[in-house]
Protein backbone atom coordinates (compact mmCIF):
# COMPACT_ATOMS: atom_id res chain seq x y z
CA UNK A 1 -34.94 34.94 17.72
CA UNK A 2 -37.33 36.69 15.36
CA UNK A 3 -40.89 35.45 15.18
CA UNK A 4 -44.43 36.45 14.27
CA UNK A 5 -46.38 36.48 17.54
CA UNK A 6 -50.18 36.48 17.76
CA UNK A 7 -51.18 38.36 20.91
CA UNK A 8 -54.65 39.26 19.67
CA UNK A 9 -56.56 37.96 16.67
CA UNK A 10 -56.82 40.24 13.67
CA UNK A 11 -55.96 40.68 10.01
CA UNK A 12 -52.87 39.92 8.00
CA UNK A 13 -52.05 43.63 8.03
CA UNK A 14 -51.79 43.54 11.85
CA UNK A 15 -48.91 41.05 11.89
CA UNK A 16 -45.64 42.12 13.48
CA UNK A 17 -42.25 40.38 13.61
CA UNK A 18 -40.86 40.50 17.17
CA UNK A 19 -37.68 39.52 18.99
CA UNK A 20 -38.47 36.81 21.54
CA UNK A 21 -36.48 34.29 23.58
CA UNK A 22 -35.23 31.13 21.91
CA UNK A 23 -37.26 28.02 22.85
CA UNK A 24 -35.77 25.40 25.19
CA UNK A 25 -36.73 21.75 24.65
CA UNK A 26 -38.37 19.77 27.44
CA UNK A 27 -38.27 15.98 27.61
CA UNK A 28 -39.33 14.45 24.31
CA UNK A 29 -38.98 17.72 22.42
CA UNK A 30 -36.51 19.16 19.91
CA UNK A 31 -35.72 22.64 18.66
CA UNK A 32 -35.31 23.12 14.93
CA UNK A 33 -33.75 26.02 13.09
CA UNK A 34 -36.59 26.73 10.69
CA UNK A 35 -35.52 26.81 7.05
CA UNK A 36 -38.88 27.02 5.28
CA UNK A 37 -42.55 27.17 6.25
CA UNK A 38 -45.43 27.36 3.79
CA UNK A 39 -48.27 29.81 4.25
CA UNK A 40 -51.58 27.97 4.20
CA UNK A 41 -55.20 29.05 3.94
CA UNK A 42 -55.79 27.68 7.42
CA UNK A 43 -53.21 30.17 8.75
CA UNK A 44 -55.49 33.00 7.68
CA UNK A 45 -58.27 31.47 9.78
CA UNK A 46 -55.96 30.95 12.76
CA UNK A 47 -54.63 34.52 12.63
CA UNK A 48 -58.15 35.93 12.47
CA UNK A 49 -59.38 33.68 15.30
CA UNK A 50 -61.89 31.89 13.07
CA UNK A 51 -60.34 28.42 13.09
CA UNK A 52 -61.95 25.64 15.13
CA UNK A 53 -58.69 24.78 16.92
CA UNK A 54 -56.86 27.76 18.38
CA UNK A 55 -53.82 27.68 20.71
CA UNK A 56 -53.68 29.90 23.76
CA UNK A 57 -52.29 33.34 23.08
CA UNK A 58 -49.63 34.50 22.67
CA UNK A 59 -48.44 31.99 20.08
CA UNK A 60 -46.43 31.78 16.88
CA UNK A 61 -48.50 30.65 13.85
CA UNK A 62 -47.25 28.50 10.99
CA UNK A 63 -47.94 24.80 10.45
CA UNK A 64 -45.50 22.04 9.46
CA UNK A 65 -42.18 23.92 9.34
CA UNK A 66 -39.08 22.27 7.91
CA UNK A 67 -35.60 22.76 9.31
CA UNK A 68 -32.50 21.41 11.00
CA UNK A 69 -32.55 19.91 14.50
CA UNK A 70 -30.42 22.17 16.72
CA UNK A 71 -31.21 20.98 20.28
CA UNK A 72 -32.57 17.82 21.91
CA UNK A 73 -34.64 17.40 25.05
CA UNK A 74 -34.13 14.53 27.48
CA UNK A 75 -35.13 11.12 26.20
CA UNK A 76 -35.00 11.94 22.49
CA UNK A 77 -33.35 9.01 20.76
CA UNK A 78 -34.95 9.04 17.29
CA UNK A 79 -33.15 12.20 16.14
CA UNK A 80 -29.77 13.87 16.41
CA UNK A 81 -28.53 17.43 16.08
CA UNK A 82 -28.09 18.23 12.39
CA UNK A 83 -30.94 16.07 11.10
CA UNK A 84 -33.01 17.61 8.31
CA UNK A 85 -36.68 17.25 9.16
CA UNK A 86 -40.23 18.00 8.16
CA UNK A 87 -42.34 18.53 11.26
CA UNK A 88 -46.05 18.11 11.88
CA UNK A 89 -46.17 21.02 14.31
CA UNK A 90 -49.59 22.68 14.46
CA UNK A 91 -47.98 26.10 14.99
CA UNK A 92 -44.59 27.76 15.53
CA UNK A 93 -43.31 27.83 11.95
CA UNK A 94 -43.31 31.61 11.46
CA UNK A 95 -40.11 31.94 13.48
CA UNK A 96 -36.38 31.33 13.24
CA UNK A 97 -36.64 28.45 15.73
CA UNK A 98 -39.51 26.11 16.54
CA UNK A 99 -40.19 23.76 19.43
CA UNK A 100 -41.57 20.41 18.26
CA UNK A 101 -42.29 17.00 19.75
CA UNK A 102 -39.65 14.58 18.52
CA UNK A 103 -42.41 12.15 17.56
CA UNK A 104 -43.75 14.77 15.14
CA UNK A 105 -40.54 14.99 13.09
CA UNK A 106 -39.76 13.06 9.90
CA UNK A 107 -36.30 12.96 8.39
CA UNK A 108 -36.25 14.45 4.92
CA UNK A 109 -34.80 12.42 2.06
CA UNK A 110 -31.44 13.79 0.94
CA UNK A 111 -32.82 14.78 -2.46
CA UNK A 112 -35.71 16.84 -1.09
CA UNK A 113 -34.81 20.53 -0.45
CA UNK A 114 -36.37 22.40 2.47
CA UNK A 115 -38.33 24.78 0.25
CA UNK A 116 -39.80 21.94 -1.80
CA UNK A 117 -40.67 19.98 1.35
CA UNK A 118 -42.37 23.03 2.87
CA UNK A 119 -44.33 23.53 -0.34
CA UNK A 120 -45.47 19.90 -0.17
CA UNK A 121 -46.33 19.99 3.54
CA UNK A 122 -50.03 20.06 4.43
CA UNK A 123 -50.98 19.99 0.74
CA UNK A 124 -49.77 16.44 0.05
CA UNK A 125 -50.83 14.87 3.33
CA UNK A 126 -54.26 16.48 3.00
CA UNK A 127 -54.60 15.18 -0.56
CA UNK A 128 -53.34 11.72 0.43
CA UNK A 129 -55.89 11.31 3.23
CA UNK A 130 -58.66 12.70 1.04
CA UNK A 131 -57.92 10.15 -1.67
CA UNK A 132 -57.15 7.08 0.40
CA UNK A 133 -58.76 7.41 3.81
CA UNK A 134 -61.92 9.35 3.04
CA UNK A 135 -62.40 8.77 -0.70
CA UNK A 136 -61.09 5.18 -0.76
CA UNK A 137 -60.00 5.77 -4.34
CA UNK A 138 -58.38 2.88 -6.19
CA UNK A 139 -56.51 2.46 -9.45
CA UNK A 140 -58.73 2.75 -12.51
CA UNK A 141 -61.28 5.05 -10.88
CA UNK A 142 -61.99 8.59 -12.07
CA UNK A 143 -61.15 11.38 -9.64
CA UNK A 144 -62.49 14.91 -10.11
CA UNK A 145 -60.34 17.50 -8.32
CA UNK A 146 -61.96 20.89 -7.76
CA UNK A 147 -59.71 23.91 -7.19
CA UNK A 148 -57.15 21.90 -9.10
CA UNK A 149 -54.63 24.73 -9.58
CA UNK A 150 -54.27 25.28 -5.81
CA UNK A 151 -51.76 23.57 -3.55
CA UNK A 152 -54.03 20.72 -2.42
CA UNK A 153 -55.44 20.39 -5.93
CA UNK A 154 -52.06 20.01 -7.60
CA UNK A 155 -50.96 17.56 -4.91
CA UNK A 156 -54.13 15.51 -5.41
CA UNK A 157 -53.59 15.40 -9.17
CA UNK A 158 -50.05 14.09 -8.79
CA UNK A 159 -50.98 11.52 -6.15
CA UNK A 160 -54.03 10.26 -8.03
CA UNK A 161 -52.03 9.81 -11.21
CA UNK A 162 -49.20 8.11 -9.31
CA UNK A 163 -51.70 5.59 -7.95
CA UNK A 164 -53.16 4.83 -11.39
CA UNK A 165 -56.37 6.88 -11.31
CA UNK A 166 -57.87 8.91 -14.14
CA UNK A 167 -57.77 12.57 -13.14
CA UNK A 168 -60.14 15.35 -14.18
CA UNK A 169 -59.04 18.82 -13.06
CA UNK A 170 -61.65 21.49 -12.34
CA UNK A 171 -60.31 25.01 -12.91
CA UNK A 172 -61.91 28.47 -13.07
CA UNK A 173 -59.10 30.07 -15.07
CA UNK A 174 -58.52 28.48 -18.49
CA UNK A 175 -55.00 29.87 -18.31
CA UNK A 176 -54.22 27.27 -15.63
CA UNK A 177 -54.89 24.33 -17.96
CA UNK A 178 -51.22 23.84 -18.77
CA UNK A 179 -50.33 23.93 -15.06
CA UNK A 180 -52.74 21.15 -14.09
CA UNK A 181 -51.88 19.04 -17.11
CA UNK A 182 -48.19 19.32 -16.30
CA UNK A 183 -49.09 18.05 -12.82
CA UNK A 184 -50.67 14.99 -14.42
CA UNK A 185 -54.34 15.74 -15.10
CA UNK A 186 -55.71 13.73 -18.00
CA UNK A 187 -58.62 16.12 -18.66
CA UNK A 188 -59.86 19.55 -17.58
CA UNK A 189 -63.29 21.01 -17.00
CA UNK A 190 -64.18 24.71 -16.82
CA UNK A 191 -65.66 25.86 -13.50
CA UNK A 192 -66.34 29.34 -14.87
CA UNK A 193 -69.17 28.27 -17.20
CA UNK A 194 -72.31 30.44 -16.81
CA UNK A 195 -74.61 27.58 -15.78
CA UNK A 196 -72.30 25.75 -13.39
CA UNK A 197 -75.03 23.61 -11.85
CA UNK A 198 -75.68 21.86 -15.15
CA UNK A 199 -72.46 22.71 -16.94
CA UNK A 200 -70.15 20.92 -14.51
CA UNK A 201 -72.10 17.68 -14.74
CA UNK A 202 -72.34 17.89 -18.53
CA UNK A 203 -68.57 18.27 -18.83
CA UNK A 204 -67.84 15.38 -16.45
CA UNK A 205 -70.39 13.11 -18.12
CA UNK A 206 -68.89 13.89 -21.53
CA UNK A 207 -65.50 12.71 -20.26
CA UNK A 208 -66.81 9.58 -18.52
CA UNK A 209 -69.36 8.20 -20.99
CA UNK A 210 -72.18 9.47 -18.78
CA UNK A 211 -70.97 7.67 -15.68
CA UNK A 212 -69.67 10.55 -13.57
CA UNK A 213 -66.71 10.78 -11.21
CA UNK A 214 -66.07 7.94 -8.76
CA UNK A 215 -64.41 10.34 -6.32
CA UNK A 216 -64.70 14.12 -6.03
CA UNK A 217 -62.27 16.15 -3.90
CA UNK A 218 -63.74 19.53 -2.96
CA UNK A 219 -61.67 22.22 -1.22
CA UNK A 220 -63.99 24.97 -2.51
CA UNK A 221 -67.50 24.42 -1.18
CA UNK A 222 -70.13 27.06 -2.06
CA UNK A 223 -71.74 26.65 -5.50
CA UNK A 224 -69.01 24.26 -6.61
CA UNK A 225 -70.14 21.62 -4.11
CA UNK A 226 -73.75 22.04 -5.21
CA UNK A 227 -72.76 21.42 -8.83
CA UNK A 228 -70.18 18.69 -8.21
CA UNK A 229 -72.45 16.43 -6.18
CA UNK A 230 -74.61 16.08 -9.28
CA UNK A 231 -71.60 14.69 -11.17
CA UNK A 232 -70.79 11.90 -8.71
CA UNK A 233 -71.09 8.40 -10.16
CA UNK A 234 -73.34 5.69 -8.69
CA UNK A 235 -71.78 4.57 -5.38
CA UNK A 236 -69.29 7.43 -5.69
CA UNK A 237 -67.72 9.47 -2.89
CA UNK A 238 -67.38 13.22 -2.44
CA UNK A 239 -64.83 14.46 0.10
CA UNK A 240 -65.26 17.91 1.64
CA UNK A 241 -61.83 19.43 2.29
CA UNK A 242 -62.65 23.09 2.82
CA UNK A 243 -64.68 26.13 1.83
CA UNK A 244 -62.19 28.36 0.02
CA UNK A 245 -64.93 29.75 -2.24
CA UNK A 246 -66.88 31.12 0.72
CA UNK A 247 -70.30 29.69 1.61
CA UNK A 248 -70.57 26.44 3.55
CA UNK A 249 -72.96 24.29 1.48
CA UNK A 250 -75.62 21.85 2.63
CA UNK A 251 -76.82 18.63 1.04
CA UNK A 252 -80.25 17.05 0.60
CA UNK A 253 -79.77 13.55 1.89
CA UNK A 254 -82.40 12.07 -0.40
CA UNK A 255 -79.92 12.68 -3.22
CA UNK A 256 -77.39 10.50 -1.40
CA UNK A 257 -79.98 7.74 -1.13
CA UNK A 258 -81.08 7.84 -4.77
CA UNK A 259 -77.53 7.50 -6.13
CA UNK A 260 -76.04 5.46 -3.26
CA UNK A 261 -73.33 8.07 -2.83
CA UNK A 262 -71.34 9.23 0.19
CA UNK A 263 -70.28 12.67 1.36
CA UNK A 264 -67.54 12.79 3.98
CA UNK A 265 -65.30 15.43 5.47
CA UNK A 266 -61.56 15.62 6.06
CA UNK A 267 -59.90 17.40 8.98
CA UNK A 268 -56.32 16.27 8.47
CA UNK A 269 -55.01 17.71 11.73
CA UNK A 270 -57.16 15.17 13.58
CA UNK A 271 -55.28 12.36 11.84
CA UNK A 272 -52.00 13.87 13.02
CA UNK A 273 -53.28 13.84 16.61
CA UNK A 274 -55.36 10.65 16.70
CA UNK A 275 -53.64 8.25 14.28
CA UNK A 276 -49.90 8.96 14.22
CA UNK A 277 -49.27 5.56 12.64
CA UNK A 278 -51.45 6.38 9.66
CA UNK A 279 -49.79 9.78 9.33
CA UNK A 280 -46.34 8.16 9.41
CA UNK A 281 -47.43 5.80 6.63
CA UNK A 282 -48.75 8.76 4.64
CA UNK A 283 -45.42 10.60 4.92
CA UNK A 284 -43.48 7.47 3.98
CA UNK A 285 -45.63 7.10 0.87
CA UNK A 286 -45.16 10.74 -0.14
CA UNK A 287 -41.39 10.52 0.30
CA UNK A 288 -41.30 7.20 -1.60
CA UNK A 289 -43.25 8.52 -4.55
CA UNK A 290 -41.10 11.66 -4.65
CA UNK A 291 -37.89 9.62 -4.63
CA UNK A 292 -39.28 7.51 -7.49
CA UNK A 293 -39.91 10.66 -9.54
CA UNK A 294 -43.70 10.27 -9.43
CA UNK A 295 -44.27 13.50 -7.50
CA UNK A 296 -42.84 16.80 -8.64
CA UNK A 297 -42.31 19.85 -6.49
CA UNK A 298 -45.08 22.42 -6.41
CA UNK A 299 -44.29 25.90 -7.77
CA UNK A 300 -43.32 28.22 -4.91
CA UNK A 301 -42.68 31.88 -4.25
CA UNK A 302 -40.34 32.55 -1.32
CA UNK A 303 -40.33 35.44 1.15
CA UNK A 304 -38.10 36.47 4.07
CA UNK A 305 -39.88 36.47 7.43
CA UNK A 306 -40.16 40.26 7.46
CA UNK A 307 -42.43 40.00 4.40
CA UNK A 308 -44.95 37.72 6.09
CA UNK A 309 -47.74 40.23 5.38
CA UNK A 310 -47.00 40.12 1.65
CA UNK A 311 -46.89 36.31 1.62
CA UNK A 312 -50.22 35.92 3.38
CA UNK A 313 -51.85 38.69 1.38
CA UNK A 314 -50.80 36.94 -1.83
CA UNK A 315 -52.37 33.74 -0.49
CA UNK A 316 -55.56 35.47 0.63
CA UNK A 317 -55.99 37.49 -2.56
CA UNK A 318 -54.89 34.62 -4.85
CA UNK A 319 -52.29 36.85 -6.50
CA UNK A 320 -49.22 34.75 -5.74
CA UNK A 321 -47.65 32.14 -7.97
CA UNK A 322 -47.90 28.63 -6.57
CA UNK A 323 -47.25 28.14 -2.86
CA UNK A 324 -46.11 31.02 -0.66
CA UNK A 325 -43.13 29.91 1.46
CA UNK A 326 -41.43 31.86 4.27
CA UNK A 327 -37.67 31.53 4.84
CA UNK A 328 -37.17 32.65 8.48
CA UNK A 329 -33.40 32.19 8.52
CA UNK A 330 -32.63 33.47 5.02
CA UNK A 331 -30.16 36.38 4.83
CA UNK A 332 -31.97 39.70 4.67
């Protein structure tokens, strides 16, 4: 089979598609013919060797591939050959076949195409855990989503609206206002204002009668965190999801005390490993909301496997439209 193999850490430009042996399932494992795998920001960190959890080399990168079960290991009784699945595999998706624990596979609803499921993977489960597990958001509360036009941001907007929350989308490009409003945002704020430290809070206060946001989801970090924490409501919660904007921020804990607010972090891969029951519930909820028409598919741009460099470069440089999705078994 063809696969991207990481033998030494490096840049996107160093990636090479190789011919390697097909995987063989051991007990409790399945092989899937990979139909679609999304490129994620975390993949850039894994490929460069900068991620906190790195598999032993050589390995095939690519989280949460979708595909068709093509072989079963001994003892697998929850799946059959031909099942359409979304997997929670931590790597292996940048290949024509992937080896996955059977317990990490979820049957896809009939109405959910592989490409759409791949575009939803990692973005929707991250957003779901940020909202419910870390942010403890409930219906009627105001949720501020930073980086709202990104994959996790758009997923968070849709989920928050589906659960009855008021959603404020933070965007740096005014041209993305229609995109986030189509996803369900009730209001937008501009993250490109000259005085972000004061300007973000002023915009949020204007939309909330001076109260602030009950929950803030922050995948950006850097100066955006510093500004957003000032816009958190009394007894509000800010959830750190990532640092896509660059600098890892710090917080003065006296500010948490004065406003009775919380700052927590989300590492969603830990939930996959430590609390499989919660992750199963999360996936059931996402599939349910999609089947009820409350979640739409994220915009995607697809690439054949041989164009993996282009897909990841578009992600890294923020030049691609929507999610970047690889199709390892698509005709060349």
